PDB file of N, CA and C in Angstrom:
ATOM      1  N   UNK A   1       1.001  -1.354  -0.111  1.00  0.00           N
ATOM      2  CA  UNK A   1      -0.178   0.019  -0.220  1.00  0.00           C
ATOM      3  C   UNK A   1       0.800   1.521   0.195  1.00  0.00           C
ATOM      4  N   UNK A   2       0.684   1.951  -0.850  1.00  0.00           N
ATOM      5  CA  UNK A   2       1.508   3.175  -0.889  1.00  0.00           C
ATOM      6  C   UNK A   2       0.649   4.445  -0.762  1.00  0.00           C
ATOM      7  N   UNK A   3       1.303   4.774   0.550  1.00  0.00           N
ATOM      8  CA  UNK A   3       0.418   5.840   1.192  1.00  0.00           C
ATOM      9  C   UNK A   3       1.563   7.214   1.735  1.00  0.00           C
ATOM     10  N   UNK A   4       1.134   8.597   1.107  1.00  0.00           N
ATOM     11  CA  UNK A   4       1.907   9.423   1.239  1.00  0.00           C
ATOM     12  C   UNK A   4       0.949  10.654   2.113  1.00  0.00           C
ATOM     13  N   UNK A   5       1.373  10.967   3.172  1.00  0.00           N
ATOM     14  CA  UNK A   5       0.858  12.312   4.053  1.00  0.00           C
ATOM     15  C   UNK A   5       1.400  13.603   2.973  1.00  0.00           C
ATOM     16  N   UNK A   6       0.596  14.142   2.180  1.00  0.00           N
ATOM     17  CA  UNK A   6       1.357  15.609   1.945  1.00  0.00           C
ATOM     18  C   UNK A   6      -0.013  16.246   1.437  1.00  0.00           C
ATOM     19  N   UNK A   7      -0.061  17.636   1.050  1.00  0.00           N
ATOM     20  CA  UNK A   7      -0.747  18.400   0.603  1.00  0.00           C
ATOM     21  C   UNK A   7       0.042  18.149  -0.846  1.00  0.00           C
ATOM     22  N   UNK A   8       1.533  18.184  -1.381  1.00  0.00           N
ATOM     23  CA  UNK A   8       1.898  18.048  -2.583  1.00  0.00           C
ATOM     24  C   UNK A   8       2.143  17.058  -3.311  1.00  0.00           C
ATOM     25  N   UNK A   9       0.944  16.156  -3.668  1.00  0.00           N
ATOM     26  CA  UNK A   9       1.397  15.019  -3.844  1.00  0.00           C
ATOM     27  C   UNK A   9       0.189  14.500  -4.254  1.00  0.00           C
ATOM     28  N   UNK A  10       0.009  13.270  -5.519  1.00  0.00           N
ATOM     29  CA  UNK A  10      -1.282  13.245  -6.174  1.00  0.00           C
ATOM     30  C   UNK A  10      -2.390  12.683  -5.492  1.00  0.00           C
ATOM     31  N   UNK A  11      -2.122  12.059  -4.461  1.00  0.00           N
ATOM     32  CA  UNK A  11      -2.941  11.230  -3.292  1.00  0.00           C
ATOM     33  C   UNK A  11      -2.945  11.600  -2.018  1.00  0.00           C
ATOM     34  N   UNK A  12      -3.604  13.037  -2.054  1.00  0.00           N
ATOM     35  CA  UNK A  12      -3.714  13.598  -0.978  1.00  0.00           C
ATOM     36  C   UNK A  12      -4.046  12.711   0.482  1.00  0.00           C
ATOM     37  N   UNK A  13      -3.715  13.005   1.535  1.00  0.00           N
ATOM     38  CA  UNK A  13      -4.619  12.278   2.799  1.00  0.00           C
ATOM     39  C   UNK A  13      -5.177  13.371   3.621  1.00  0.00           C
ATOM     40  N   UNK A  14      -6.259  13.285   3.835  1.00  0.00           N
ATOM     41  CA  UNK A  14      -7.232  14.361   4.529  1.00  0.00           C
ATOM     42  C   UNK A  14      -6.410  15.110   5.678  1.00  0.00           C
ATOM     43  N   UNK A  15      -6.346  16.257   5.662  1.00  0.00           N
ATOM     44  CA  UNK A  15      -5.501  16.833   7.278  1.00  0.00           C
ATOM     45  C   UNK A  15      -6.039  16.413   8.073  1.00  0.00           C
ATOM     46  N   UNK A  16      -7.598  15.900   7.974  1.00  0.00           N
ATOM     47  CA  UNK A  16      -8.183  15.607   9.763  1.00  0.00           C
ATOM     48  C   UNK A  16      -8.361  14.370   9.321  1.00  0.00           C
ATOM     49  N   UNK A  17      -7.176  13.440   9.132  1.00  0.00           N
ATOM     50  CA  UNK A  17      -7.884  12.144   8.743  1.00  0.00           C
ATOM     51  C   UNK A  17      -8.080  11.428  10.430  1.00  0.00           C
ATOM     52  N   UNK A  18      -8.940  10.678  10.591  1.00  0.00           N
ATOM     53  CA  UNK A  18      -9.086   9.981  11.964  1.00  0.00           C
ATOM     54  C   UNK A  18      -8.045   9.158  12.395  1.00  0.00           C
ATOM     55  N   UNK A  19      -7.358   8.854  11.174  1.00  0.00           N
ATOM     56  CA  UNK A  19      -6.221   7.768  11.847  1.00  0.00           C
ATOM     57  C   UNK A  19      -4.745   8.368  12.250  1.00  0.00           C
ATOM     58  N   UNK A  20      -5.007   9.659  12.439  1.00  0.00           N
ATOM     59  CA  UNK A  20      -3.914  10.011  12.927  1.00  0.00           C
ATOM     60  C   UNK A  20      -4.332  11.191  13.970  1.00  0.00           C
ATOM     61  N   UNK A  21      -5.396  11.414  14.859  1.00  0.00           N
ATOM     62  CA  UNK A  21      -6.276  12.066  15.427  1.00  0.00           C
ATOM     63  C   UNK A  21      -6.454  11.732  16.650  1.00  0.00           C
ATOM     64  N   UNK A  22      -5.473  11.957  17.601  1.00  0.00           N
ATOM     65  CA  UNK A  22      -5.764  12.336  18.942  1.00  0.00           C
ATOM     66  C   UNK A  22      -7.051  11.969  19.803  1.00  0.00           C
ATOM     67  N   UNK A  23      -7.979  12.945  19.225  1.00  0.00           N
ATOM     68  CA  UNK A  23      -8.878  12.971  19.608  1.00  0.00           C
ATOM     69  C   UNK A  23     -10.112  11.742  19.516  1.00  0.00           C
ATOM     70  N   UNK A  24      -9.910  11.082  18.338  1.00  0.00           N
ATOM     71  CA  UNK A  24     -10.401   9.932  17.807  1.00  0.00           C
ATOM     72  C   UNK A  24      -9.955   8.766  18.584  1.00  0.00           C
ATOM     73  N   UNK A  25      -8.628   8.651  18.942  1.00  0.00           N
ATOM     74  CA  UNK A  25      -8.359   7.448  19.397  1.00  0.00           C
ATOM     75  C   UNK A  25      -7.680   7.818  20.839  1.00  0.00           C
ATOM     76  N   UNK A  26      -8.648   8.551  21.593  1.00  0.00           N
ATOM     77  CA  UNK A  26      -8.107   9.100  23.008  1.00  0.00           C
ATOM     78  C   UNK A  26      -9.644   9.942  23.194  1.00  0.00           C
ATOM     79  N   UNK A  27     -10.038  10.608  23.507  1.00  0.00           N
ATOM     80  CA  UNK A  27     -10.081  11.992  24.047  1.00  0.00           C
ATOM     81  C   UNK A  27     -12.016  11.553  24.069  1.00  0.00           C
ATOM     82  N   UNK A  28     -12.205  11.034  22.875  1.00  0.00           N
ATOM     83  CA  UNK A  28     -13.600  10.626  22.926  1.00  0.00           C
ATOM     84  C   UNK A  28     -14.308   9.302  24.018  1.00  0.00           C
ATOM     85  N   UNK A  29     -13.399   8.593  23.671  1.00  0.00           N
ATOM     86  CA  UNK A  29     -13.303   7.160  24.515  1.00  0.00           C
ATOM     87  C   UNK A  29     -13.532   7.584  25.964  1.00  0.00           C
ATOM     88  N   UNK A  30     -12.338   8.768  26.294  1.00  0.00           N
ATOM     89  CA  UNK A  30     -12.145   9.051  27.497  1.00  0.00           C
ATOM     90  C   UNK A  30     -13.277   9.561  28.205  1.00  0.00           C
ATOM     91  N   UNK A  31     -13.558  10.473  27.372  1.00  0.00           N
ATOM     92  CA  UNK A  31     -15.255  11.592  27.928  1.00  0.00           C
ATOM     93  C   UNK A  31     -16.158  10.182  28.014  1.00  0.00           C
ATOM     94  N   UNK A  32     -16.342   9.214  26.876  1.00  0.00           N
ATOM     95  CA  UNK A  32     -17.405   8.858  27.277  1.00  0.00           C
ATOM     96  C   UNK A  32     -17.571   7.759  28.596  1.00  0.00           C
ATOM     97  N   UNK A  33     -16.517   7.461  29.078  1.00  0.00           N
ATOM     98  CA  UNK A  33     -16.256   6.702  30.009  1.00  0.00           C
ATOM     99  C   UNK A  33     -16.735   7.529  31.642  1.00  0.00           C
ATOM    100  N   UNK A  34     -15.966   8.749  31.361  1.00  0.00           N
ATOM    101  CA  UNK A  34     -16.273   9.552  33.008  1.00  0.00           C
ATOM    102  C   UNK A  34     -17.436  10.301  33.002  1.00  0.00           C
ATOM    103  N   UNK A  35     -17.972  10.691  31.376  1.00  0.00           N
ATOM    104  CA  UNK A  35     -19.574  11.815  31.828  1.00  0.00           C
ATOM    105  C   UNK A  35     -20.390  10.374  31.752  1.00  0.00           C
ATOM    106  N   UNK A  36     -20.408   9.438  31.188  1.00  0.00           N
ATOM    107  CA  UNK A  36     -21.847   8.912  31.384  1.00  0.00           C
ATOM    108  C   UNK A  36     -21.685   7.218  32.407  1.00  0.00           C
ATOM    109  N   UNK A  37     -20.550   7.762  33.777  1.00  0.00           N
ATOM    110  CA  UNK A  37     -20.265   7.038  34.545  1.00  0.00           C
ATOM    111  C   UNK A  37     -21.491   6.942  35.527  1.00  0.00           C
ATOM    112  N   UNK A  38     -22.479   7.842  35.431  1.00  0.00           N
ATOM    113  CA  UNK A  38     -23.942   7.596  36.324  1.00  0.00           C
ATOM    114  C   UNK A  38     -25.104   8.524  35.514  1.00  0.00           C
ATOM    115  N   UNK A  39     -26.380   8.374  35.551  1.00  0.00           N
ATOM    116  CA  UNK A  39     -27.286   8.764  35.128  1.00  0.00           C
ATOM    117  C   UNK A  39     -27.224  10.589  35.039  1.00  0.00           C
ATOM    118  N   UNK A  40     -27.803  10.583  33.979  1.00  0.00           N
ATOM    119  CA  UNK A  40     -27.850  11.975  33.432  1.00  0.00           C
ATOM    120  C   UNK A  40     -29.722  12.734  33.340  1.00  0.00           C
ATOM    121  N   UNK A  41     -29.385  13.739  33.820  1.00  0.00           N
ATOM    122  CA  UNK A  41     -30.965  14.180  34.235  1.00  0.00           C
ATOM    123  C   UNK A  41     -31.080  15.381  32.890  1.00  0.00           C
ATOM    124  N   UNK A  42     -30.267  15.898  32.724  1.00  0.00           N
ATOM    125  CA  UNK A  42     -30.709  17.019  31.724  1.00  0.00           C
ATOM    126  C   UNK A  42     -29.709  17.451  30.675  1.00  0.00           C
ATOM    127  N   UNK A  43     -29.851  17.857  29.556  1.00  0.00           N
ATOM    128  CA  UNK A  43     -28.857  18.604  28.717  1.00  0.00           C
ATOM    129  C   UNK A  43     -27.651  19.308  29.054  1.00  0.00           C
ATOM    130  N   UNK A  44     -28.397  20.298  30.229  1.00  0.00           N
ATOM    131  CA  UNK A  44     -27.500  21.202  30.549  1.00  0.00           C
ATOM    132  C   UNK A  44     -26.547  20.235  31.392  1.00  0.00           C
ATOM    133  N   UNK A  45     -26.860  19.320  32.191  1.00  0.00           N
ATOM    134  CA  UNK A  45     -26.038  18.399  33.094  1.00  0.00           C
ATOM    135  C   UNK A  45     -25.145  17.822  32.078  1.00  0.00           C
ATOM    136  N   UNK A  46     -25.273  17.171  31.315  1.00  0.00           N
ATOM    137  CA  UNK A  46     -24.546  16.528  29.808  1.00  0.00           C
ATOM    138  C   UNK A  46     -23.302  17.565  29.802  1.00  0.00           C
ATOM    139  N   UNK A  47     -23.612  18.955  29.214  1.00  0.00           N
ATOM    140  CA  UNK A  47     -23.254  19.979  28.894  1.00  0.00           C
ATOM    141  C   UNK A  47     -21.989  20.020  30.106  1.00  0.00           C
ATOM    142  N   UNK A  48     -22.367  20.440  31.190  1.00  0.00           N
ATOM    143  CA  UNK A  48     -21.585  20.484  32.481  1.00  0.00           C
ATOM    144  C   UNK A  48     -20.602  19.302  32.511  1.00  0.00           C
ATOM    145  N   UNK A  49     -20.906  18.294  32.630  1.00  0.00           N
ATOM    146  CA  UNK A  49     -19.703  17.191  32.788  1.00  0.00           C
ATOM    147  C   UNK A  49     -19.060  16.909  31.317  1.00  0.00           C
ATOM    148  N   UNK A  50     -19.372  17.297  30.779  1.00  0.00           N
ATOM    149  CA  UNK A  50     -18.444  17.161  29.420  1.00  0.00           C
ATOM    150  C   UNK A  50     -17.205  18.504  29.695  1.00  0.00           C
ATOM    151  N   UNK A  51     -17.873  19.280  29.895  1.00  0.00           N
ATOM    152  CA  UNK A  51     -16.664  20.690  30.256  1.00  0.00           C
ATOM    153  C   UNK A  51     -16.028  20.464  31.462  1.00  0.00           C
ATOM    154  N   UNK A  52     -16.887  20.055  32.687  1.00  0.00           N
ATOM    155  CA  UNK A  52     -16.255  19.673  33.632  1.00  0.00           C
ATOM    156  C   UNK A  52     -14.795  18.884  33.446  1.00  0.00           C
ATOM    157  N   UNK A  53     -15.170  17.762  32.955  1.00  0.00           N
ATOM    158  CA  UNK A  53     -14.325  16.725  32.490  1.00  0.00           C
ATOM    159  C   UNK A  53     -13.056  17.363  31.458  1.00  0.00           C
ATOM    160  N   UNK A  54     -13.076  17.752  30.655  1.00  0.00           N
ATOM    161  CA  UNK A  54     -11.911  18.409  29.843  1.00  0.00           C
ATOM    162  C   UNK A  54     -11.379  19.264  30.507  1.00  0.00           C
ATOM    163  N   UNK A  55     -11.880  20.436  31.555  1.00  0.00           N
ATOM    164  CA  UNK A  55     -11.304  20.900  32.189  1.00  0.00           C
ATOM    165  C   UNK A  55     -10.172  20.716  33.165  1.00  0.00           C
ATOM    166  N   UNK A  56     -10.405  19.503  33.525  1.00  0.00           N
ATOM    167  CA  UNK A  56      -9.685  18.556  34.406  1.00  0.00           C
ATOM    168  C   UNK A  56      -8.379  17.390  34.129  1.00  0.00           C
ATOM    169  N   UNK A  57      -8.540  17.445  32.665  1.00  0.00           N
ATOM    170  CA  UNK A  57      -7.419  16.936  31.935  1.00  0.00           C
ATOM    171  C   UNK A  57      -5.729  17.314  32.491  1.00  0.00           C
ATOM    172  N   UNK A  58      -5.367  16.489  32.592  1.00  0.00           N
ATOM    173  CA  UNK A  58      -3.972  17.239  33.220  1.00  0.00           C
ATOM    174  C   UNK A  58      -2.844  17.376  32.195  1.00  0.00           C
ATOM    175  N   UNK A  59      -2.195  18.172  32.382  1.00  0.00           N
ATOM    176  CA  UNK A  59      -0.848  18.178  31.364  1.00  0.00           C
ATOM    177  C   UNK A  59       0.140  16.601  31.252  1.00  0.00           C
ATOM    178  N   UNK A  60      -0.080  16.144  32.336  1.00  0.00           N
ATOM    179  CA  UNK A  60       0.596  15.246  32.251  1.00  0.00           C
ATOM    180  C   UNK A  60      -0.035  13.934  31.575  1.00  0.00           C
ATOM    181  N   UNK A  61      -1.549  13.895  31.729  1.00  0.00           N
ATOM    182  CA  UNK A  61      -2.082  12.932  31.016  1.00  0.00           C
ATOM    183  C   UNK A  61      -1.971  13.149  29.503  1.00  0.00           C
ATOM    184  N   UNK A  62      -2.228  14.735  29.208  1.00  0.00           N
ATOM    185  CA  UNK A  62      -1.993  15.126  27.657  1.00  0.00           C
ATOM    186  C   UNK A  62      -0.547  14.814  27.062  1.00  0.00           C
ATOM    187  N   UNK A  63       0.352  14.936  28.160  1.00  0.00           N
ATOM    188  CA  UNK A  63       1.667  14.355  27.558  1.00  0.00           C
ATOM    189  C   UNK A  63       1.728  12.863  27.169  1.00  0.00           C
ATOM    190  N   UNK A  64       0.791  12.104  28.350  1.00  0.00           N
ATOM    191  CA  UNK A  64       1.040  10.676  27.732  1.00  0.00           C
ATOM    192  C   UNK A  64       0.180  10.506  26.438  1.00  0.00           C
ATOM    193  N   UNK A  65      -0.751  11.226  26.138  1.00  0.00           N
ATOM    194  CA  UNK A  65      -1.689  10.941  25.192  1.00  0.00           C
ATOM    195  C   UNK A  65      -0.622  11.226  23.694  1.00  0.00           C
ATOM    196  N   UNK A  66      -0.046  12.471  23.904  1.00  0.00           N
ATOM    197  CA  UNK A  66       0.971  12.705  22.556  1.00  0.00           C
ATOM    198  C   UNK A  66       2.048  11.760  22.776  1.00  0.00           C
ATOM    199  N   UNK A  67       2.608  11.147  24.129  1.00  0.00           N
ATOM    200  CA  UNK A  67       3.481  10.271  23.816  1.00  0.00           C
ATOM    201  C   UNK A  67       3.040   8.728  23.029  1.00  0.00           C
ATOM    202  N   UNK A  68       1.959   7.991  23.385  1.00  0.00           N
ATOM    203  CA  UNK A  68       1.107   7.235  22.779  1.00  0.00           C
ATOM    204  C   UNK A  68       1.234   7.540  21.312  1.00  0.00           C
ATOM    205  N   UNK A  69       0.469   8.964  21.018  1.00  0.00           N
ATOM    206  CA  UNK A  69       0.343   8.951  19.436  1.00  0.00           C
ATOM    207  C   UNK A  69       1.870   8.912  18.928  1.00  0.00           C
ATOM    208  N   UNK A  70       2.934   9.532  19.088  1.00  0.00           N
ATOM    209  CA  UNK A  70       4.179   9.166  18.775  1.00  0.00           C
ATOM    210  C   UNK A  70       4.908   7.736  18.414  1.00  0.00           C
ATOM    211  N   UNK A  71       4.233   7.083  19.295  1.00  0.00           N
ATOM    212  CA  UNK A  71       4.704   5.362  19.526  1.00  0.00           C
ATOM    213  C   UNK A  71       3.797   4.780  18.403  1.00  0.00           C
ATOM    214  N   UNK A  72       2.655   5.511  18.001  1.00  0.00           N
ATOM    215  CA  UNK A  72       1.540   4.684  16.949  1.00  0.00           C
ATOM    216  C   UNK A  72       1.942   5.326  15.474  1.00  0.00           C
ATOM    217  N   UNK A  73       2.883   6.588  15.610  1.00  0.00           N
ATOM    218  CA  UNK A  73       2.730   6.611  14.104  1.00  0.00           C
ATOM    219  C   UNK A  73       4.476   6.222  13.870  1.00  0.00           C
ATOM    220  N   UNK A  74       5.098   5.706  14.920  1.00  0.00           N
ATOM    221  CA  UNK A  74       6.291   4.628  14.820  1.00  0.00           C
ATOM    222  C   UNK A  74       5.829   3.800  14.462  1.00  0.00           C
ATOM    223  N   UNK A  75       4.968   3.062  15.135  1.00  0.00           N
ATOM    224  CA  UNK A  75       4.725   1.927  14.351  1.00  0.00           C
ATOM    225  C   UNK A  75       4.618   1.463  12.770  1.00  0.00           C
ATOM    226  N   UNK A  76       2.959   2.685  12.772  1.00  0.00           N
ATOM    227  CA  UNK A  76       2.680   2.943  11.453  1.00  0.00           C
ATOM    228  C   UNK A  76       3.614   2.842  10.452  1.00  0.00           C
ATOM    229  N   UNK A  77       4.792   4.088  10.784  1.00  0.00           N
ATOM    230  CA  UNK A  77       6.046   3.688  10.042  1.00  0.00           C
ATOM    231  C   UNK A  77       6.749   2.826   9.509  1.00  0.00           C
ATOM    232  N   UNK A  78       7.372   1.803  11.036  1.00  0.00           N
ATOM    233  CA  UNK A  78       7.933   0.444  10.897  1.00  0.00           C
ATOM    234  C   UNK A  78       7.231  -0.671   9.832  1.00  0.00           C
ATOM    235  N   UNK A  79       5.841  -0.367   9.637  1.00  0.00           N
ATOM    236  CA  UNK A  79       5.123  -1.448   9.303  1.00  0.00           C
ATOM    237  C   UNK A  79       4.614  -0.855   7.762  1.00  0.00           C
ATOM    238  N   UNK A  80       5.399  -0.045   7.290  1.00  0.00           N
ATOM    239  CA  UNK A  80       5.212   0.602   5.677  1.00  0.00           C
ATOM    240  C   UNK A  80       3.505   1.045   5.855  1.00  0.00           C
ATOM    241  N   UNK A  81       3.516   1.608   6.719  1.00  0.00           N
ATOM    242  CA  UNK A  81       1.722   2.325   6.720  1.00  0.00           C
ATOM    243  C   UNK A  81       0.520   0.971   6.529  1.00  0.00           C
ATOM    244  N   UNK A  82       0.995   0.033   6.968  1.00  0.00           N
ATOM    245  CA  UNK A  82      -0.184  -0.997   7.071  1.00  0.00           C
ATOM    246  C   UNK A  82      -0.672  -0.834   8.207  1.00  0.00           C
ATOM    247  N   UNK A  83      -1.847  -1.589   8.727  1.00  0.00           N
ATOM    248  CA  UNK A  83      -2.781  -1.777   9.798  1.00  0.00           C
ATOM    249  C   UNK A  83      -1.952  -1.987  10.759  1.00  0.00           C
ATOM    250  N   UNK A  84      -2.002  -1.080  12.218  1.00  0.00           N
ATOM    251  CA  UNK A  84      -1.287  -1.863  12.922  1.00  0.00           C
ATOM    252  C   UNK A  84      -2.144  -2.327  14.343  1.00  0.00           C
ATOM    253  N   UNK A  85      -3.366  -2.612  14.168  1.00  0.00           N
ATOM    254  CA  UNK A  85      -4.265  -2.859  14.874  1.00  0.00           C
ATOM    255  C   UNK A  85      -3.958  -4.508  16.100  1.00  0.00           C
ATOM    256  N   UNK A  86      -3.211  -5.160  14.915  1.00  0.00           N
ATOM    257  CA  UNK A  86      -3.098  -6.686  15.935  1.00  0.00           C
ATOM    258  C   UNK A  86      -1.747  -6.382  16.295  1.00  0.00           C
ATOM    259  N   UNK A  87      -0.737  -5.063  16.098  1.00  0.00           N
ATOM    260  CA  UNK A  87       0.294  -5.126  17.003  1.00  0.00           C
ATOM    261  C   UNK A  87      -0.198  -4.409  18.504  1.00  0.00           C
ATOM    262  N   UNK A  88      -0.980  -3.562  18.155  1.00  0.00           N
ATOM    263  CA  UNK A  88      -1.480  -3.024  19.661  1.00  0.00           C
ATOM    264  C   UNK A  88      -1.526  -3.631  21.224  1.00  0.00           C
ATOM    265  N   UNK A  89      -2.035  -4.990  20.867  1.00  0.00           N
ATOM    266  CA  UNK A  89      -2.221  -5.487  21.995  1.00  0.00           C
ATOM    267  C   UNK A  89      -0.840  -6.312  22.481  1.00  0.00           C
ATOM    268  N   UNK A  90       0.222  -6.161  21.477  1.00  0.00           N
ATOM    269  CA  UNK A  90       1.533  -6.661  21.865  1.00  0.00           C
ATOM    270  C   UNK A  90       2.481  -5.773  22.471  1.00  0.00           C
ATOM    271  N   UNK A  91       2.439  -4.352  22.027  1.00  0.00           N
ATOM    272  CA  UNK A  91       3.481  -3.570  22.152  1.00  0.00           C
ATOM    273  C   UNK A  91       2.699  -2.127  22.905  1.00  0.00           C
ATOM    274  N   UNK A  92       2.664  -1.790  23.937  1.00  0.00           N
ATOM    275  CA  UNK A  92       2.041  -0.642  24.527  1.00  0.00           C
ATOM    276  C   UNK A  92       3.713  -0.085  25.460  1.00  0.00           C
ATOM    277  N   UNK A  93       3.100   1.716  25.099  1.00  0.00           N
ATOM    278  CA  UNK A  93       4.524   2.126  25.736  1.00  0.00           C
ATOM    279  C   UNK A  93       4.123   2.352  26.930  1.00  0.00           C
ATOM    280  N   UNK A  94       5.356   2.388  27.662  1.00  0.00           N
ATOM    281  CA  UNK A  94       5.342   2.457  29.095  1.00  0.00           C
ATOM    282  C   UNK A  94       4.503   3.648  29.988  1.00  0.00           C
ATOM    283  N   UNK A  95       4.184   4.680  29.018  1.00  0.00           N
ATOM    284  CA  UNK A  95       3.745   5.426  29.731  1.00  0.00           C
ATOM    285  C   UNK A  95       2.211   5.598  29.594  1.00  0.00           C
ATOM    286  N   UNK A  96       1.663   4.662  28.866  1.00  0.00           N
ATOM    287  CA  UNK A  96       0.248   4.085  29.062  1.00  0.00           C
ATOM    288  C   UNK A  96       0.160   2.908  30.013  1.00  0.00           C
ATOM    289  N   UNK A  97      -0.050   2.880  30.938  1.00  0.00           N
ATOM    290  CA  UNK A  97      -0.189   1.873  31.880  1.00  0.00           C
ATOM    291  C   UNK A  97      -1.825   1.141  32.134  1.00  0.00           C
TER     292      UNK A  97
END
């Protein structure tokens, strides 16, 4: 599979590709877990919970997410751009335990 992530190539990769977006592989799953941990009575409460949990994300957590993203990008590069899902259960960076 020949893929090049570039704006200056015949086959462009979307700039907001979900394959390379930390929000898709971390943030939405995290928010779903913490926001829906209990019953929600109203839309206002849902919005408040989302806002509260986003504001409570620490710098250390964000650093860990970025380190994990770098790990995934390296894994993709080492495997010639192939799917890496089957590698993820075998290899995890030490910063995300």
